[in-house]
Structure formats: structure tokens, C-alpha cells
């Protein structure tokens, strides 16, 4: 009889049920078992958009509400994309992008300040990523000049 009651309760639910879920619960449910997880030996990486360090952990998860993307266009331009906290069901419109131009040290400070307002946990990681990406862009430019 309990099986019949359960079946009746399930069939009477509406078609789509949506509930707000915290980032911690979301990571606990799908954190290590989603389509974006890549395992190489003993290491587990993540390919999701908004994952700052490509590490499969709750701190850097791009699935949560506080995802940050840092991209370097050239040695003097940095794009910082921050995930919108509301009304962003689609992946395309989920992020707002801010572009900074200037000296590499000032870019690093600007990114740290921007991310600190939004997600204080990853501000130093974002600044470190900007430093590494800018260094790589400068090296690539120098290598292109030497070859030419």
C-alpha cells in the first residue's frame, strides 16, 4: 500500500519543479561527476566555463553563482567576466565582461579590485592568473619579434 501512495504522490507533481539551490549543495551533487570533469592519473581537472584554475573544487567551480573568467587579449588588455547572480539561465548571457587596458601591474591591481568586490575568496588567484597570462603574452610578442 505504501508503494501505491508513493506512486500517486509522484504522478500528481507538476511537470517542472524549480527550487533555488546553494552553490555548496550543487557542488556536492554534481561536483566530481559531471561531463566537464577530466581525470589524468591522480589529478582531477575541470573544463567548465568560469573555473578560474581548471581544478575540480567548490572554490573554483564555474557552476556556482560566483564564477570568474580572466582572459588576456594582448600584453596590455585584460577581459574579466563575472557571472550574473540572477536571471542567467543561458550560458551565453550568464556573464558580464569588463575590459581593462594599461600597464601590466595596473591591470593586475584592477582585476584584484574588481574580483574582490564580487568574490573575495578568489581575488588573489585571479590576480596571479592575470600575471601569468600577461607574462606569456609578452614572451610570445618577444618571440615573434625575434623570428621576424
N, C-alpha and C. Protein backbone atom coordinates (compact mmCIF):
# COMPACT_ATOMS: atom_id res chain seq x y z
N UNK A 1 0.82 -1.20 0.00
CA UNK A 1 0.00 0.00 0.00
C UNK A 1 0.86 1.27 0.00
N UNK A 2 2.03 1.20 0.62
CA UNK A 2 2.90 2.38 0.63
C UNK A 2 3.43 2.67 -0.78
N UNK A 3 3.64 1.63 -1.58
CA UNK A 3 4.11 1.81 -2.95
C UNK A 3 3.04 2.52 -3.78
N UNK A 4 1.80 2.21 -3.57
CA UNK A 4 0.71 2.85 -4.30
C UNK A 4 0.60 4.31 -3.92
N UNK A 5 0.71 4.63 -2.63
CA UNK A 5 0.64 6.02 -2.18
C UNK A 5 1.80 6.83 -2.76
N UNK A 6 2.98 6.24 -2.80
CA UNK A 6 4.13 6.94 -3.35
C UNK A 6 3.94 7.22 -4.84
N UNK A 7 3.42 6.26 -5.57
CA UNK A 7 3.16 6.43 -6.99
C UNK A 7 2.14 7.53 -7.23
N UNK A 8 1.09 7.57 -6.42
CA UNK A 8 0.09 8.63 -6.56
C UNK A 8 0.70 10.00 -6.27
N UNK A 9 1.56 10.07 -5.27
CA UNK A 9 2.18 11.35 -4.92
C UNK A 9 3.10 11.83 -6.04
N UNK A 10 3.82 10.92 -6.66
CA UNK A 10 4.75 11.29 -7.73
C UNK A 10 4.00 11.73 -8.98
N UNK A 11 2.92 11.05 -9.32
CA UNK A 11 2.18 11.38 -10.53
C UNK A 11 1.43 12.69 -10.40
N UNK A 12 1.21 13.17 -9.21
CA UNK A 12 0.47 14.42 -9.03
C UNK A 12 1.38 15.65 -9.00
N UNK A 13 2.71 15.46 -9.13
CA UNK A 13 3.62 16.59 -9.16
C UNK A 13 3.49 17.36 -10.47
N UNK A 14 3.75 18.67 -10.46
CA UNK A 14 3.72 19.42 -11.72
C UNK A 14 4.86 18.98 -12.64
N UNK A 15 4.78 19.38 -13.89
CA UNK A 15 5.76 18.98 -14.90
C UNK A 15 7.18 19.40 -14.52
N UNK A 16 7.36 20.67 -14.18
CA UNK A 16 8.69 21.18 -13.89
C UNK A 16 8.71 21.83 -12.52
N UNK A 17 9.60 21.38 -11.67
CA UNK A 17 9.73 21.94 -10.34
C UNK A 17 11.10 22.59 -10.25
N UNK A 18 11.16 23.88 -9.95
CA UNK A 18 12.44 24.56 -9.80
C UNK A 18 12.55 25.09 -8.39
N UNK A 19 13.73 24.91 -7.83
CA UNK A 19 13.99 25.39 -6.48
C UNK A 19 15.37 26.03 -6.45
N UNK A 20 15.54 27.09 -5.67
CA UNK A 20 16.88 27.66 -5.56
C UNK A 20 17.80 26.69 -4.80
N UNK A 21 19.01 26.52 -5.32
CA UNK A 21 19.97 25.59 -4.73
C UNK A 21 21.26 26.35 -4.47
N UNK A 22 21.84 26.16 -3.29
CA UNK A 22 23.09 26.84 -2.98
C UNK A 22 24.23 26.23 -3.79
N UNK A 23 25.30 26.99 -3.94
CA UNK A 23 26.46 26.51 -4.70
C UNK A 23 27.10 25.31 -4.02
N UNK A 24 27.07 25.27 -2.69
CA UNK A 24 27.65 24.15 -1.96
C UNK A 24 26.88 22.86 -2.23
N UNK A 25 25.56 22.94 -2.20
CA UNK A 25 24.75 21.76 -2.46
C UNK A 25 24.90 21.32 -3.91
N UNK A 26 24.94 22.28 -4.81
CA UNK A 26 25.12 21.97 -6.23
C UNK A 26 26.45 21.25 -6.46
N UNK A 27 27.51 21.71 -5.82
CA UNK A 27 28.81 21.07 -5.97
C UNK A 27 28.82 19.69 -5.33
N UNK A 28 28.11 19.52 -4.21
CA UNK A 28 28.05 18.22 -3.55
C UNK A 28 27.33 17.20 -4.42
N UNK A 29 26.33 17.63 -5.17
CA UNK A 29 25.56 16.71 -6.00
C UNK A 29 26.32 16.33 -7.27
N UNK A 30 26.85 17.32 -7.98
CA UNK A 30 27.45 17.03 -9.29
C UNK A 30 28.93 17.36 -9.36
N UNK A 31 29.55 17.67 -8.25
CA UNK A 31 30.93 18.17 -8.26
C UNK A 31 31.94 17.30 -8.96
N UNK A 32 32.05 16.04 -8.60
CA UNK A 32 33.08 15.17 -9.18
C UNK A 32 32.54 14.30 -10.30
N UNK A 33 31.26 14.41 -10.62
CA UNK A 33 30.66 13.53 -11.62
C UNK A 33 29.84 14.30 -12.64
N UNK A 34 30.45 15.20 -13.38
CA UNK A 34 29.73 15.86 -14.45
C UNK A 34 30.52 15.72 -15.76
N UNK A 35 29.95 16.17 -16.83
CA UNK A 35 30.57 15.97 -18.14
C UNK A 35 31.82 16.81 -18.35
N UNK A 36 32.07 17.79 -17.50
CA UNK A 36 33.22 18.67 -17.66
C UNK A 36 34.45 18.21 -16.87
N UNK A 37 34.33 17.13 -16.12
CA UNK A 37 35.44 16.64 -15.31
C UNK A 37 36.37 15.78 -16.16
N UNK A 38 37.68 16.05 -16.06
CA UNK A 38 38.69 15.28 -16.78
C UNK A 38 39.65 14.70 -15.75
N UNK A 39 39.89 13.42 -15.82
CA UNK A 39 40.81 12.77 -14.89
C UNK A 39 42.08 12.35 -15.65
N UNK A 40 43.22 12.78 -15.14
CA UNK A 40 44.51 12.40 -15.70
C UNK A 40 45.37 11.85 -14.57
N UNK A 41 45.48 10.55 -14.51
CA UNK A 41 46.24 9.93 -13.43
C UNK A 41 45.56 10.16 -12.10
N UNK A 42 46.29 10.73 -11.16
CA UNK A 42 45.74 11.01 -9.84
C UNK A 42 45.09 12.39 -9.74
N UNK A 43 45.17 13.18 -10.80
CA UNK A 43 44.66 14.54 -10.77
C UNK A 43 43.29 14.63 -11.42
N UNK A 44 42.45 15.50 -10.90
CA UNK A 44 41.12 15.74 -11.45
C UNK A 44 41.02 17.20 -11.85
N UNK A 45 40.72 17.45 -13.12
CA UNK A 45 40.59 18.79 -13.65
C UNK A 45 39.17 19.05 -14.10
N UNK A 46 38.85 20.31 -14.39
CA UNK A 46 37.52 20.67 -14.83
C UNK A 46 37.62 21.60 -16.04
N UNK A 47 36.76 21.41 -17.02
CA UNK A 47 36.77 22.24 -18.23
C UNK A 47 35.59 23.20 -18.27
N UNK A 48 34.90 23.41 -17.17
CA UNK A 48 33.71 24.25 -17.19
C UNK A 48 34.07 25.72 -17.33
N UNK A 49 33.20 26.46 -17.99
CA UNK A 49 33.40 27.90 -18.15
C UNK A 49 33.27 28.57 -16.79
N UNK A 50 34.16 29.46 -16.47
CA UNK A 50 34.10 30.14 -15.19
C UNK A 50 34.96 29.50 -14.12
N UNK A 51 35.63 28.41 -14.43
CA UNK A 51 36.54 27.78 -13.48
C UNK A 51 37.90 28.42 -13.65
N UNK A 52 38.31 29.19 -12.68
CA UNK A 52 39.49 30.04 -12.79
C UNK A 52 40.78 29.25 -12.97
N UNK A 53 40.95 28.15 -12.26
CA UNK A 53 42.19 27.39 -12.30
C UNK A 53 42.04 26.00 -12.91
N UNK A 54 40.86 25.69 -13.46
CA UNK A 54 40.58 24.39 -14.06
C UNK A 54 40.78 23.24 -13.07
N UNK A 55 40.49 23.49 -11.81
CA UNK A 55 40.59 22.49 -10.76
C UNK A 55 39.18 22.11 -10.34
N UNK A 56 38.93 20.83 -10.15
CA UNK A 56 37.60 20.37 -9.75
C UNK A 56 37.43 20.53 -8.24
N UNK A 57 37.05 21.74 -7.82
CA UNK A 57 36.79 22.00 -6.40
C UNK A 57 35.70 23.06 -6.29
N UNK A 58 35.09 23.14 -5.14
CA UNK A 58 33.98 24.08 -4.94
C UNK A 58 34.45 25.53 -5.01
N UNK A 59 35.68 25.81 -4.62
CA UNK A 59 36.19 27.18 -4.62
C UNK A 59 36.26 27.75 -6.03
N UNK A 60 36.71 26.95 -6.97
CA UNK A 60 36.93 27.45 -8.33
C UNK A 60 35.82 27.04 -9.29
N UNK A 61 34.77 26.44 -8.81
CA UNK A 61 33.73 25.92 -9.68
C UNK A 61 33.06 27.02 -10.49
N UNK A 62 32.87 26.76 -11.76
CA UNK A 62 32.17 27.70 -12.63
C UNK A 62 30.67 27.47 -12.61
N UNK A 63 30.23 26.45 -11.89
CA UNK A 63 28.80 26.16 -11.82
C UNK A 63 28.10 27.00 -10.76
N UNK A 64 28.84 27.52 -9.81
CA UNK A 64 28.25 28.30 -8.73
C UNK A 64 27.86 29.70 -9.18
N UNK A 65 27.40 30.48 -8.23
CA UNK A 65 26.92 31.83 -8.56
C UNK A 65 28.04 32.85 -8.67
N UNK A 66 29.23 32.52 -8.23
CA UNK A 66 30.33 33.49 -8.20
C UNK A 66 31.50 33.09 -9.10
N UNK A 67 31.23 32.72 -10.32
CA UNK A 67 32.27 32.30 -11.25
C UNK A 67 32.99 33.51 -11.85
N UNK A 68 34.29 33.35 -12.11
CA UNK A 68 35.12 34.43 -12.66
C UNK A 68 35.93 33.87 -13.83
N UNK A 69 35.95 34.58 -14.96
CA UNK A 69 36.78 34.21 -16.10
C UNK A 69 37.73 35.37 -16.38
N UNK A 70 39.03 35.06 -16.49
CA UNK A 70 40.04 36.07 -16.80
C UNK A 70 40.69 35.68 -18.11
N UNK A 71 40.68 36.59 -19.09
CA UNK A 71 41.29 36.36 -20.40
C UNK A 71 42.19 37.54 -20.73
N UNK A 72 43.29 37.24 -21.39
CA UNK A 72 44.22 38.29 -21.82
C UNK A 72 44.17 38.37 -23.34
N UNK A 73 43.78 39.53 -23.87
CA UNK A 73 43.71 39.73 -25.32
C UNK A 73 45.10 39.97 -25.90
N UNK A 74 45.86 40.86 -25.29
CA UNK A 74 47.26 41.09 -25.67
C UNK A 74 47.99 41.53 -24.41
N UNK A 75 49.24 42.03 -24.56
CA UNK A 75 50.03 42.34 -23.36
C UNK A 75 49.56 43.58 -22.60
N UNK A 76 48.55 44.29 -23.13
CA UNK A 76 48.05 45.47 -22.44
C UNK A 76 46.54 45.48 -22.25
N UNK A 77 45.88 44.34 -22.50
CA UNK A 77 44.42 44.28 -22.39
C UNK A 77 44.00 43.00 -21.67
N UNK A 78 43.11 43.17 -20.67
CA UNK A 78 42.59 42.04 -19.90
C UNK A 78 41.07 42.12 -19.88
N UNK A 79 40.41 41.00 -20.14
CA UNK A 79 38.94 40.91 -20.04
C UNK A 79 38.59 40.09 -18.81
N UNK A 80 37.74 40.64 -17.96
CA UNK A 80 37.28 39.94 -16.76
C UNK A 80 35.79 39.72 -16.92
N UNK A 81 35.36 38.45 -16.87
CA UNK A 81 33.94 38.12 -16.98
C UNK A 81 33.47 37.60 -15.63
N UNK A 82 32.40 38.19 -15.15
CA UNK A 82 31.81 37.80 -13.86
C UNK A 82 30.42 37.25 -14.10
N UNK A 83 30.11 36.14 -13.45
CA UNK A 83 28.82 35.51 -13.65
C UNK A 83 27.72 36.32 -12.96
N UNK A 84 26.63 36.55 -13.68
CA UNK A 84 25.49 37.26 -13.11
C UNK A 84 24.85 36.39 -12.04
N UNK A 85 24.38 37.01 -10.98
CA UNK A 85 23.81 36.22 -9.89
C UNK A 85 22.33 35.93 -10.09
N UNK A 86 21.67 36.67 -10.96
CA UNK A 86 20.23 36.45 -11.17
C UNK A 86 19.90 36.45 -12.66
N UNK A 87 18.88 35.70 -13.01
CA UNK A 87 18.32 35.74 -14.35
C UNK A 87 19.27 35.31 -15.44
N UNK A 88 20.12 34.33 -15.18
CA UNK A 88 21.07 33.91 -16.20
C UNK A 88 20.96 32.41 -16.43
N UNK A 89 19.88 31.99 -17.05
CA UNK A 89 19.68 30.58 -17.33
C UNK A 89 20.54 30.11 -18.49
N UNK A 90 20.77 30.97 -19.46
CA UNK A 90 21.56 30.59 -20.63
C UNK A 90 23.04 30.83 -20.37
N UNK A 91 23.87 29.99 -20.96
CA UNK A 91 25.31 30.13 -20.79
C UNK A 91 25.83 31.40 -21.46
N UNK A 92 25.25 31.78 -22.58
CA UNK A 92 25.73 32.94 -23.34
C UNK A 92 25.53 34.24 -22.56
N UNK A 93 24.38 34.41 -21.95
CA UNK A 93 24.08 35.65 -21.24
C UNK A 93 24.38 35.58 -19.75
N UNK A 94 25.06 34.54 -19.31
CA UNK A 94 25.30 34.36 -17.88
C UNK A 94 26.42 35.24 -17.35
N UNK A 95 27.27 35.78 -18.23
CA UNK A 95 28.43 36.54 -17.79
C UNK A 95 28.39 37.98 -18.29
N UNK A 96 28.89 38.90 -17.47
CA UNK A 96 29.12 40.27 -17.89
C UNK A 96 30.64 40.46 -17.99
N UNK A 97 31.09 41.17 -19.01
CA UNK A 97 32.52 41.31 -19.26
C UNK A 97 32.95 42.75 -19.11
N UNK A 98 34.09 42.95 -18.42
CA UNK A 98 34.70 44.26 -18.24
C UNK A 98 36.10 44.18 -18.84
N UNK A 99 36.47 45.18 -19.64
CA UNK A 99 37.78 45.21 -20.30
C UNK A 99 38.65 46.28 -19.66
N UNK A 100 39.89 45.91 -19.32
CA UNK A 100 40.86 46.84 -18.76
C UNK A 100 42.05 46.94 -19.70
N UNK A 101 42.59 48.16 -19.83
CA UNK A 101 43.79 48.37 -20.65
C UNK A 101 44.78 49.18 -19.83
N UNK A 102 46.07 48.90 -20.04
CA UNK A 102 47.09 49.66 -19.34
C UNK A 102 48.33 48.85 -19.07
N UNK A 103 49.14 49.33 -18.14
CA UNK A 103 50.38 48.68 -17.74
C UNK A 103 50.04 47.37 -17.01
N UNK A 104 50.87 46.33 -17.19
CA UNK A 104 50.56 45.03 -16.56
C UNK A 104 50.36 45.08 -15.04
N UNK A 105 51.13 45.88 -14.32
CA UNK A 105 50.95 45.97 -12.86
C UNK A 105 49.60 46.60 -12.50
N UNK A 106 49.23 47.63 -13.25
CA UNK A 106 47.94 48.28 -13.00
C UNK A 106 46.79 47.36 -13.38
N UNK A 107 46.97 46.57 -14.42
CA UNK A 107 45.94 45.60 -14.81
C UNK A 107 45.73 44.58 -13.71
N UNK A 108 46.82 44.12 -13.13
CA UNK A 108 46.74 43.13 -12.06
C UNK A 108 46.00 43.71 -10.85
N UNK A 109 46.29 44.95 -10.49
CA UNK A 109 45.62 45.60 -9.37
C UNK A 109 44.13 45.84 -9.67
N UNK A 110 43.83 46.21 -10.92
CA UNK A 110 42.43 46.46 -11.30
C UNK A 110 41.61 45.17 -11.25
N UNK A 111 42.20 44.08 -11.72
CA UNK A 111 41.49 42.79 -11.69
C UNK A 111 41.28 42.35 -10.25
N UNK A 112 42.28 42.53 -9.41
CA UNK A 112 42.14 42.16 -8.00
C UNK A 112 41.01 42.96 -7.34
N UNK A 113 40.95 44.25 -7.62
CA UNK A 113 39.90 45.10 -7.03
C UNK A 113 38.52 44.71 -7.55
N UNK A 114 38.41 44.43 -8.85
CA UNK A 114 37.12 44.06 -9.44
C UNK A 114 36.61 42.74 -8.88
N UNK A 115 37.49 41.76 -8.81
CA UNK A 115 37.08 40.44 -8.33
C UNK A 115 36.83 40.46 -6.82
N UNK A 116 37.55 41.30 -6.07
CA UNK A 116 37.35 41.39 -4.62
C UNK A 116 35.94 41.86 -4.28
N UNK A 117 35.38 42.74 -5.09
CA UNK A 117 34.00 43.19 -4.85
C UNK A 117 33.01 42.07 -5.09
N UNK A 118 33.36 41.17 -5.97
CA UNK A 118 32.44 40.14 -6.41
C UNK A 118 32.64 38.82 -5.68
N UNK A 119 33.89 38.36 -5.58
CA UNK A 119 34.20 37.08 -4.94
C UNK A 119 35.56 37.22 -4.26
N UNK A 120 35.55 37.51 -2.96
CA UNK A 120 36.78 37.80 -2.24
C UNK A 120 37.67 36.58 -2.07
N UNK A 121 37.13 35.39 -2.20
CA UNK A 121 37.93 34.17 -2.00
C UNK A 121 38.95 33.98 -3.12
N UNK A 122 38.59 34.30 -4.34
CA UNK A 122 39.47 34.02 -5.48
C UNK A 122 40.18 35.26 -6.03
N UNK A 123 40.17 36.37 -5.30
CA UNK A 123 40.78 37.59 -5.83
C UNK A 123 42.28 37.44 -6.06
N UNK A 124 43.01 36.82 -5.14
CA UNK A 124 44.45 36.65 -5.34
C UNK A 124 44.75 35.64 -6.44
N UNK A 125 43.88 34.63 -6.59
CA UNK A 125 44.07 33.66 -7.67
C UNK A 125 43.84 34.31 -9.03
N UNK A 126 42.87 35.21 -9.11
CA UNK A 126 42.61 35.92 -10.37
C UNK A 126 43.77 36.83 -10.71
N UNK A 127 44.32 37.53 -9.72
CA UNK A 127 45.46 38.41 -9.97
C UNK A 127 46.69 37.59 -10.40
N UNK A 128 46.89 36.43 -9.80
CA UNK A 128 48.01 35.58 -10.19
C UNK A 128 47.84 35.05 -11.61
N UNK A 129 46.61 34.71 -11.96
CA UNK A 129 46.35 34.23 -13.33
C UNK A 129 46.60 35.34 -14.35
N UNK A 130 46.21 36.57 -14.02
CA UNK A 130 46.47 37.70 -14.91
C UNK A 130 47.98 37.88 -15.09
N UNK A 131 48.74 37.78 -14.01
CA UNK A 131 50.19 37.94 -14.09
C UNK A 131 50.80 36.88 -15.00
N UNK A 132 50.38 35.63 -14.84
CA UNK A 132 50.91 34.54 -15.68
C UNK A 132 50.53 34.72 -17.14
N UNK A 133 49.27 35.07 -17.40
CA UNK A 133 48.83 35.24 -18.79
C UNK A 133 49.50 36.44 -19.47
N UNK A 134 49.69 37.52 -18.73
CA UNK A 134 50.38 38.69 -19.29
C UNK A 134 51.84 38.36 -19.59
N UNK A 135 52.47 37.61 -18.68
CA UNK A 135 53.86 37.22 -18.90
C UNK A 135 53.98 36.36 -20.16
N UNK A 136 53.03 35.44 -20.35
CA UNK A 136 53.04 34.59 -21.54
C UNK A 136 52.81 35.42 -22.81
N UNK A 137 51.93 36.42 -22.74
CA UNK A 137 51.66 37.27 -23.90
C UNK A 137 52.89 38.11 -24.27
N UNK A 138 53.59 38.61 -23.27
CA UNK A 138 54.80 39.40 -23.52
C UNK A 138 55.89 38.52 -24.12
N UNK A 139 56.04 37.29 -23.60
CA UNK A 139 57.04 36.37 -24.16
C UNK A 139 56.71 36.02 -25.61
N UNK A 140 55.42 35.80 -25.89
CA UNK A 140 55.01 35.46 -27.26
C UNK A 140 55.32 36.63 -28.21
N UNK A 141 55.08 37.85 -27.75
CA UNK A 141 55.36 39.02 -28.59
C UNK A 141 56.86 39.14 -28.85
N UNK A 142 57.68 38.93 -27.80
CA UNK A 142 59.13 38.99 -27.97
C UNK A 142 59.64 37.91 -28.91
N UNK A 143 59.06 36.71 -28.82
CA UNK A 143 59.47 35.61 -29.68
C UNK A 143 59.10 35.91 -31.14
N UNK A 144 57.96 36.55 -31.36
CA UNK A 144 57.55 36.91 -32.72
C UNK A 144 58.46 37.98 -33.30
N UNK A 145 58.92 38.90 -32.47
CA UNK A 145 59.83 39.97 -32.94
C UNK A 145 61.19 39.37 -33.29
N UNK A 146 61.67 38.42 -32.50
CA UNK A 146 62.97 37.80 -32.75
C UNK A 146 62.94 37.00 -34.04
N UNK A 147 61.84 36.28 -34.31
CA UNK A 147 61.73 35.47 -35.53
C UNK A 147 61.63 36.33 -36.78
N UNK A 148 61.04 37.53 -36.66
CA UNK A 148 60.85 38.39 -37.84
C UNK A 148 62.09 39.12 -38.22
